[in-house]
Amino acid sequence: MHMYDCKLHHEANQPWLQKKLRTKSREELSGLISGKNDAFRMAAIGAAGQSPWSDETVCMAP
């Protein structure tokens, strides 16, 4: 079984926060601040260990 680690940060130069450790590669996140940019990155975790982190993606919550 694969797991996916999702981390986010709310401001540049802030530490990454653990958001979800899931078995699905897609996830809807709640609790984000409307009109504020958040950065996300993902990594897969499997029998061979953790993959490299994805490129950072920045999104604004509606």
C-alpha atoms as a PDB file:
ATOM      1  CA  MET A   1       0.000   0.000   0.000  1.00  0.00           C
ATOM      2  CA  HIS A   2       1.245   3.485  -0.861  1.00  0.00           C
ATOM      3  CA  MET A   3       0.845   6.490   1.374  1.00  0.00           C
ATOM      4  CA  TYR A   4       1.067  10.156   0.392  1.00  0.00           C
ATOM      5  CA  ASP A   5       2.502  12.875   2.597  1.00  0.00           C
ATOM      6  CA  CYS A   6       1.079  16.364   2.007  1.00  0.00           C
ATOM      7  CA  LYS A   7       2.729  19.387   3.588  1.00  0.00           C
ATOM      8  CA  LEU A   8       1.841  23.056   3.379  1.00  0.00           C
ATOM      9  CA  HIS A   9       3.004  26.439   4.497  1.00  0.00           C
ATOM     10  CA  HIS A  10       1.059  29.694   4.619  1.00  0.00           C
ATOM     11  CA  GLU A  11       3.918  32.170   4.161  1.00  0.00           C
ATOM     12  CA  ALA A  12       7.265  32.047   2.368  1.00  0.00           C
ATOM     13  CA  ASN A  13      10.192  31.127   4.620  1.00  0.00           C
ATOM     14  CA  GLN A  14       7.876  29.466   7.143  1.00  0.00           C
ATOM     15  CA  PRO A  15       8.328  25.802   8.138  1.00  0.00           C
ATOM     16  CA  TRP A  16       6.357  23.141   6.263  1.00  0.00           C
ATOM     17  CA  LEU A  17       3.385  21.781   8.246  1.00  0.00           C
ATOM     18  CA  GLN A  18       2.122  18.208   8.047  1.00  0.00           C
ATOM     19  CA  LYS A  19      -1.396  18.437   6.611  1.00  0.00           C
ATOM     20  CA  LYS A  20      -2.317  14.878   5.687  1.00  0.00           C
ATOM     21  CA  LEU A  21      -0.827  11.403   5.526  1.00  0.00           C
ATOM     22  CA  ARG A  22      -3.225   9.556   3.236  1.00  0.00           C
ATOM     23  CA  THR A  23      -3.641   6.481   1.074  1.00  0.00           C
ATOM     24  CA  LYS A  24      -5.240   8.527  -1.767  1.00  0.00           C
ATOM     25  CA  SER A  25      -3.295  10.681  -4.207  1.00  0.00           C
ATOM     26  CA  ARG A  26      -6.110  13.286  -4.269  1.00  0.00           C
ATOM     27  CA  GLU A  27      -7.422  15.108  -1.250  1.00  0.00           C
ATOM     28  CA  GLU A  28      -9.718  18.037  -0.545  1.00  0.00           C
ATOM     29  CA  LEU A  29      -8.325  20.171   2.256  1.00  0.00           C
ATOM     30  CA  SER A  30     -10.435  22.217   4.635  1.00  0.00           C
ATOM     31  CA  GLY A  31      -9.576  24.953   7.095  1.00  0.00           C
ATOM     32  CA  LEU A  32      -7.647  27.125   4.636  1.00  0.00           C
ATOM     33  CA  ILE A  33      -7.993  30.909   4.869  1.00  0.00           C
ATOM     34  CA  SER A  34     -10.050  32.488   2.080  1.00  0.00           C
ATOM     35  CA  GLY A  35      -8.055  34.816  -0.182  1.00  0.00           C
ATOM     36  CA  LYS A  36      -4.699  33.674   1.201  1.00  0.00           C
ATOM     37  CA  ASN A  37      -1.990  31.848  -0.767  1.00  0.00           C
ATOM     38  CA  ASP A  38      -0.848  28.468   0.517  1.00  0.00           C
ATOM     39  CA  ALA A  39       2.021  26.384  -0.843  1.00  0.00           C
ATOM     40  CA  PHE A  40       1.781  22.592  -1.038  1.00  0.00           C
ATOM     41  CA  ARG A  41       4.121  19.707  -1.808  1.00  0.00           C
ATOM     42  CA  MET A  42       3.595  15.951  -1.922  1.00  0.00           C
ATOM     43  CA  ALA A  43       5.677  12.798  -1.604  1.00  0.00           C
ATOM     44  CA  ALA A  44       4.728   9.148  -2.065  1.00  0.00           C
ATOM     45  CA  ILE A  45       5.756   6.613   0.586  1.00  0.00           C
ATOM     46  CA  GLY A  46       6.014   2.952  -0.373  1.00  0.00           C
ATOM     47  CA  ALA A  47       8.022  -0.204   0.265  1.00  0.00           C
ATOM     48  CA  ALA A  48      11.165   1.429  -1.181  1.00  0.00           C
ATOM     49  CA  GLY A  49      10.811   4.486   1.093  1.00  0.00           C
ATOM     50  CA  GLN A  50       9.759   8.063   0.378  1.00  0.00           C
ATOM     51  CA  SER A  51       9.935   9.617  -3.075  1.00  0.00           C
ATOM     52  CA  PRO A  52      11.483  13.042  -3.621  1.00  0.00           C
ATOM     53  CA  TRP A  53       9.162  15.948  -2.813  1.00  0.00           C
ATOM     54  CA  SER A  54       7.078  17.288  -5.688  1.00  0.00           C
ATOM     55  CA  ASP A  55       7.603  20.817  -6.919  1.00  0.00           C
ATOM     56  CA  GLU A  56       5.901  23.392  -4.719  1.00  0.00           C
ATOM     57  CA  THR A  57       2.433  24.444  -5.901  1.00  0.00           C
ATOM     58  CA  VAL A  58       0.882  27.712  -4.727  1.00  0.00           C
ATOM     59  CA  CYS A  59      -2.915  28.062  -4.611  1.00  0.00           C
ATOM     60  CA  MET A  60      -5.324  30.635  -3.201  1.00  0.00           C
ATOM     61  CA  ALA A  61      -8.325  29.426  -1.222  1.00  0.00           C
ATOM     62  CA  PRO A  62     -11.606  30.837  -2.627  1.00  0.00           C
END
